[in-house]
Amino acid sequence: MKSSDWKVISAAKEAGIPDPGFEIDKNTAIVITDPQNDFLREDGVAWPIVKESVKENNTIENMSTVFRLAREKGMKIFISPHYFFPTDKEWKFGGALEKFMHSKEMYKRKGRLDMEGFEGSGADFLEEFKQYLEGENIILCNPHKLYSPKNTDLSLQLRKYRIEKVLMAGMSTNLCVESHTRNLLEEGFEVAVIADASGSAKLPGLDTFQGALMNLRMITSHVFTTEEFEEALNSASLK
């Protein structure tokens, strides 16, 4: 992340906002939202608006590092993807970004039971991540349709695995990452975020990553960089 992003973290500290800290242990898992082509591949429909943030954060490299470290340590990763099926396009109303996603056919799938055309599509997972997705530590959850996991099985899966603490990463920071974070906090999970394993829209006069970073600093237990996460994970007891 660029230095101006970390000024948000410094400003919170200077303002007296506590940083409770986050200890990784055996009851900790990672939740990754939307590690998909439509966000992270150069021909993805959202790439033009997120590319600057993704490049500044080294998001793809950092997400790959998170996947690799989790596999090496046997740490669970719960993936919360985003899919749209043909019936979803018949919705009668929607917010601004819903309209954008539907108009661009973002995350498009032919059907719930139809995987034809999925491989390599915008809804598919980024190729760099696929080497990790068949690991025993990966749990693929039902898709969210807006931004939060409220209508998915994510919380059920976390609780069934007796997960109490969550590290958030993925796309995009101000939408699905922040919405998942808020939802999980309200459900009683302890949550931190790996900020530079994420990215979000950046447009003239509108840096959504910086706005999300400010919110996440205020509501989570800690904001990690990927490097800090690796250090914390290496010193953690996961047994």
Protein backbone atom coordinates (compact mmCIF):
# COMPACT_ATOMS: atom_id res chain seq x y z
CA MET A 1 0.00 0.00 0.00
CA LYS A 2 1.10 3.54 -0.59
CA SER A 3 2.17 5.72 2.32
CA SER A 4 -0.96 7.87 2.23
CA ASP A 5 -3.09 4.81 2.99
CA TRP A 6 -1.10 4.13 6.14
CA LYS A 7 -1.68 7.71 7.23
CA VAL A 8 -5.23 6.54 7.95
CA ILE A 9 -3.84 3.97 10.37
CA SER A 10 -1.52 6.53 11.97
CA ALA A 11 -4.30 9.10 12.23
CA ALA A 12 -6.52 6.63 14.09
CA LYS A 13 -3.74 5.95 16.59
CA GLU A 14 -3.05 9.64 17.07
CA ALA A 15 -6.76 10.20 17.64
CA GLY A 16 -6.67 7.73 20.52
CA ILE A 17 -8.62 4.96 18.79
CA PRO A 18 -7.48 1.67 20.37
CA ASP A 19 -5.81 -1.08 18.36
CA PRO A 20 -6.93 -4.18 20.30
CA GLY A 21 -4.66 -6.53 18.37
CA PHE A 22 -5.45 -9.94 16.96
CA GLU A 23 -3.84 -13.22 18.02
CA ILE A 24 -3.92 -16.04 15.49
CA ASP A 25 -4.69 -19.42 17.04
CA LYS A 26 -6.27 -22.78 16.21
CA ASN A 27 -9.73 -21.21 16.10
CA THR A 28 -8.74 -18.68 13.43
CA ALA A 29 -9.58 -18.92 9.73
CA ILE A 30 -9.27 -16.74 6.66
CA VAL A 31 -12.25 -15.58 4.60
CA ILE A 32 -11.52 -14.49 1.03
CA THR A 33 -14.19 -12.76 -1.01
CA ASP A 34 -14.43 -12.73 -4.81
CA PRO A 35 -10.98 -14.00 -5.90
CA GLN A 36 -12.36 -14.00 -9.44
CA ASN A 37 -11.39 -12.96 -12.95
CA ASP A 38 -13.92 -10.16 -13.30
CA PHE A 39 -12.04 -8.27 -10.59
CA LEU A 40 -8.47 -9.44 -10.98
CA ARG A 41 -7.78 -10.30 -14.62
CA GLU A 42 -6.98 -7.56 -17.10
CA ASP A 43 -10.00 -8.41 -19.26
CA GLY A 44 -12.32 -8.54 -16.24
CA VAL A 45 -15.27 -6.17 -16.36
CA ALA A 46 -14.28 -4.41 -13.12
CA TRP A 47 -10.56 -4.31 -13.87
CA PRO A 48 -10.58 -0.75 -15.31
CA ILE A 49 -11.83 0.69 -12.02
CA VAL A 50 -9.84 -1.47 -9.57
CA LYS A 51 -6.55 -1.91 -11.43
CA GLU A 52 -4.80 1.09 -9.86
CA SER A 53 -5.59 -0.09 -6.34
CA VAL A 54 -4.71 -3.71 -7.16
CA LYS A 55 -1.34 -2.65 -8.56
CA GLU A 56 -0.55 -0.28 -5.67
CA ASN A 57 -1.33 -2.98 -3.12
CA ASN A 58 0.25 -5.88 -5.03
CA THR A 59 -3.11 -7.47 -4.32
CA ILE A 60 -2.72 -10.54 -6.51
CA GLU A 61 0.74 -11.36 -5.18
CA ASN A 62 -0.41 -10.81 -1.60
CA MET A 63 -3.53 -12.93 -2.01
CA SER A 64 -1.34 -15.68 -3.47
CA THR A 65 0.91 -15.39 -0.43
CA VAL A 66 -2.08 -15.72 1.89
CA PHE A 67 -3.24 -18.85 0.03
CA ARG A 68 0.26 -20.34 0.16
CA LEU A 69 0.87 -19.62 3.84
CA ALA A 70 -2.52 -21.00 4.82
CA ARG A 71 -1.84 -24.24 2.94
CA GLU A 72 1.60 -24.59 4.49
CA LYS A 73 0.23 -24.06 8.00
CA GLY A 74 -2.97 -26.07 7.50
CA MET A 75 -5.11 -23.00 8.15
CA LYS A 76 -8.66 -23.05 6.80
CA ILE A 77 -9.67 -20.64 4.05
CA PHE A 78 -13.37 -20.06 3.45
CA ILE A 79 -14.01 -18.64 -0.02
CA SER A 80 -17.11 -16.51 -0.49
CA PRO A 81 -17.60 -16.13 -4.26
CA HIS A 82 -20.00 -13.97 -6.25
CA TYR A 83 -22.14 -15.50 -9.01
CA PHE A 84 -25.14 -14.31 -11.03
CA PHE A 85 -27.48 -16.74 -12.75
CA PRO A 86 -29.92 -15.92 -15.57
CA THR A 87 -32.87 -15.59 -13.17
CA ASP A 88 -31.01 -12.90 -11.21
CA LYS A 89 -31.05 -10.63 -14.24
CA GLU A 90 -34.85 -10.44 -13.93
CA TRP A 91 -34.69 -8.63 -10.60
CA LYS A 92 -37.10 -5.66 -10.65
CA PHE A 93 -34.90 -3.14 -8.85
CA GLY A 94 -31.34 -2.67 -7.63
CA GLY A 95 -28.72 -0.26 -6.42
CA ALA A 96 -26.09 1.48 -8.51
CA LEU A 97 -23.49 -1.28 -8.48
CA GLU A 98 -26.09 -3.99 -8.95
CA LYS A 99 -27.08 -2.21 -12.15
CA PHE A 100 -23.42 -1.99 -13.15
CA MET A 101 -22.80 -5.68 -12.50
CA HIS A 102 -25.89 -6.84 -14.35
CA SER A 103 -25.26 -4.54 -17.31
CA LYS A 104 -21.69 -5.88 -17.65
CA GLU A 105 -22.76 -9.49 -17.02
CA MET A 106 -20.29 -9.63 -14.17
CA TYR A 107 -19.84 -13.06 -12.55
CA LYS A 108 -22.18 -14.56 -15.13
CA ARG A 109 -22.99 -18.28 -14.91
CA LYS A 110 -25.32 -20.22 -17.21
CA GLY A 111 -27.16 -21.76 -14.28
CA ARG A 112 -26.85 -23.16 -10.80
CA LEU A 113 -26.34 -26.68 -12.11
CA ASP A 114 -24.70 -25.74 -15.39
CA MET A 115 -20.92 -25.27 -15.45
CA GLU A 116 -20.72 -24.90 -19.22
CA GLY A 117 -18.51 -21.95 -20.13
CA PHE A 118 -17.44 -21.40 -16.52
CA GLU A 119 -13.75 -22.22 -16.91
CA GLY A 120 -11.83 -19.11 -17.82
CA SER A 121 -14.92 -16.90 -17.60
CA GLY A 122 -15.22 -13.75 -15.51
CA ALA A 123 -16.89 -15.81 -12.78
CA ASP A 124 -14.01 -18.29 -12.63
CA PHE A 125 -11.20 -17.99 -10.12
CA LEU A 126 -7.97 -16.25 -11.07
CA GLU A 127 -5.54 -18.73 -12.60
CA GLU A 128 -2.80 -17.82 -10.10
CA PHE A 129 -5.00 -19.08 -7.25
CA LYS A 130 -6.14 -22.37 -8.75
CA GLN A 131 -3.10 -24.31 -7.54
CA TYR A 132 -4.39 -23.76 -4.00
CA LEU A 133 -8.11 -24.35 -4.46
CA GLU A 134 -8.07 -28.15 -4.31
CA GLY A 135 -6.33 -28.13 -0.94
CA GLU A 136 -7.95 -29.81 2.04
CA ASN A 137 -7.89 -26.47 3.85
CA ILE A 138 -10.25 -24.81 1.32
CA ILE A 139 -14.00 -24.53 1.97
CA LEU A 140 -16.00 -23.04 -0.90
CA CYS A 141 -19.17 -21.40 0.39
CA ASN A 142 -22.40 -20.59 -1.37
CA PRO A 143 -22.27 -17.36 -3.40
CA HIS A 144 -23.33 -14.00 -2.07
CA LYS A 145 -25.49 -11.92 -4.40
CA LEU A 146 -24.93 -8.43 -3.07
CA TYR A 147 -22.08 -7.67 -0.65
CA SER A 148 -22.51 -9.45 2.69
CA PRO A 149 -22.70 -13.18 3.55
CA LYS A 150 -26.08 -12.72 5.23
CA ASN A 151 -27.85 -15.04 2.78
CA THR A 152 -25.05 -17.61 2.36
CA ASP A 153 -23.77 -20.54 4.41
CA LEU A 154 -20.53 -18.80 5.46
CA SER A 155 -21.45 -18.33 9.13
CA LEU A 156 -22.79 -21.89 9.34
CA GLN A 157 -19.57 -23.26 7.87
CA LEU A 158 -17.41 -21.19 10.21
CA ARG A 159 -19.36 -22.30 13.27
CA LYS A 160 -19.38 -25.96 12.20
CA TYR A 161 -15.59 -25.80 12.07
CA ARG A 162 -15.59 -24.06 15.48
CA ILE A 163 -14.00 -20.94 14.06
CA GLU A 164 -14.13 -17.94 16.38
CA LYS A 165 -11.71 -15.55 14.69
CA VAL A 166 -11.61 -14.42 11.08
CA LEU A 167 -9.00 -12.70 8.92
CA MET A 168 -10.62 -10.99 5.95
CA ALA A 169 -9.05 -10.56 2.49
CA GLY A 170 -10.21 -10.37 -1.12
CA MET A 171 -12.19 -8.07 -3.37
CA SER A 172 -13.35 -5.49 -3.12
CA THR A 173 -12.34 -3.71 0.05
CA ASN A 174 -15.16 -1.20 0.37
CA LEU A 175 -17.93 -3.58 -0.70
CA CYS A 176 -17.73 -7.31 -0.04
CA VAL A 177 -14.76 -7.25 2.34
CA GLU A 178 -16.24 -4.49 4.48
CA SER A 179 -19.76 -5.93 4.32
CA HIS A 180 -18.56 -9.41 5.26
CA THR A 181 -16.55 -7.88 8.09
CA ARG A 182 -19.51 -5.99 9.49
CA ASN A 183 -21.79 -9.03 9.26
CA LEU A 184 -19.32 -11.35 10.97
CA LEU A 185 -18.68 -8.81 13.73
CA GLU A 186 -22.41 -8.56 14.40
CA GLU A 187 -22.55 -12.36 14.65
CA GLY A 188 -19.92 -12.42 17.35
CA PHE A 189 -16.75 -13.30 15.47
CA GLU A 190 -13.48 -11.54 16.22
CA VAL A 191 -12.34 -10.02 12.94
CA ALA A 192 -9.14 -8.54 11.51
CA VAL A 193 -8.24 -7.72 7.91
CA ILE A 194 -5.20 -8.29 5.71
CA ALA A 195 -5.53 -4.96 3.98
CA ASP A 196 -3.05 -5.23 1.13
CA ALA A 197 -4.45 -8.63 0.13
CA SER A 198 -7.38 -6.58 -1.10
CA GLY A 199 -8.17 -3.69 -3.42
CA SER A 200 -11.08 -1.62 -4.63
CA ALA A 201 -12.24 1.02 -7.07
CA LYS A 202 -10.14 4.10 -7.61
CA LEU A 203 -11.52 6.87 -9.78
CA PRO A 204 -10.76 10.60 -10.08
CA GLY A 205 -11.57 12.09 -6.69
CA LEU A 206 -12.75 8.74 -5.32
CA ASP A 207 -10.38 6.37 -3.52
CA THR A 208 -12.66 3.73 -2.07
CA PHE A 209 -9.77 1.70 -0.64
CA GLN A 210 -8.72 4.54 1.62
CA GLY A 211 -12.31 5.07 2.76
CA ALA A 212 -12.72 1.37 3.52
CA LEU A 213 -9.38 1.24 5.32
CA MET A 214 -10.55 3.98 7.67
CA ASN A 215 -13.74 2.07 8.46
CA LEU A 216 -11.94 -1.24 8.90
CA ARG A 217 -9.42 0.31 11.26
CA MET A 218 -12.27 1.56 13.43
CA ILE A 219 -14.35 -1.62 13.56
CA THR A 220 -11.89 -4.52 13.46
CA SER A 221 -9.40 -5.77 16.03
CA HIS A 222 -6.41 -5.09 13.81
CA VAL A 223 -5.36 -4.18 10.27
CA PHE A 224 -2.49 -6.34 9.00
CA THR A 225 -0.26 -6.06 6.00
CA THR A 226 0.52 -9.39 4.33
CA GLU A 227 4.04 -9.19 5.71
CA GLU A 228 2.70 -8.65 9.24
CA PHE A 229 0.26 -11.51 8.77
CA GLU A 230 3.10 -13.83 7.77
CA GLU A 231 5.10 -12.84 10.84
CA ALA A 232 2.11 -13.36 13.12
CA LEU A 233 1.27 -16.71 11.52
CA ASN A 234 4.83 -17.98 11.85
CA SER A 235 4.79 -17.28 15.58
CA ALA A 236 1.25 -18.57 16.14
CA SER A 237 0.26 -21.81 17.84
CA LEU A 238 -2.31 -23.58 15.67
CA LYS A 239 -2.57 -26.78 17.76
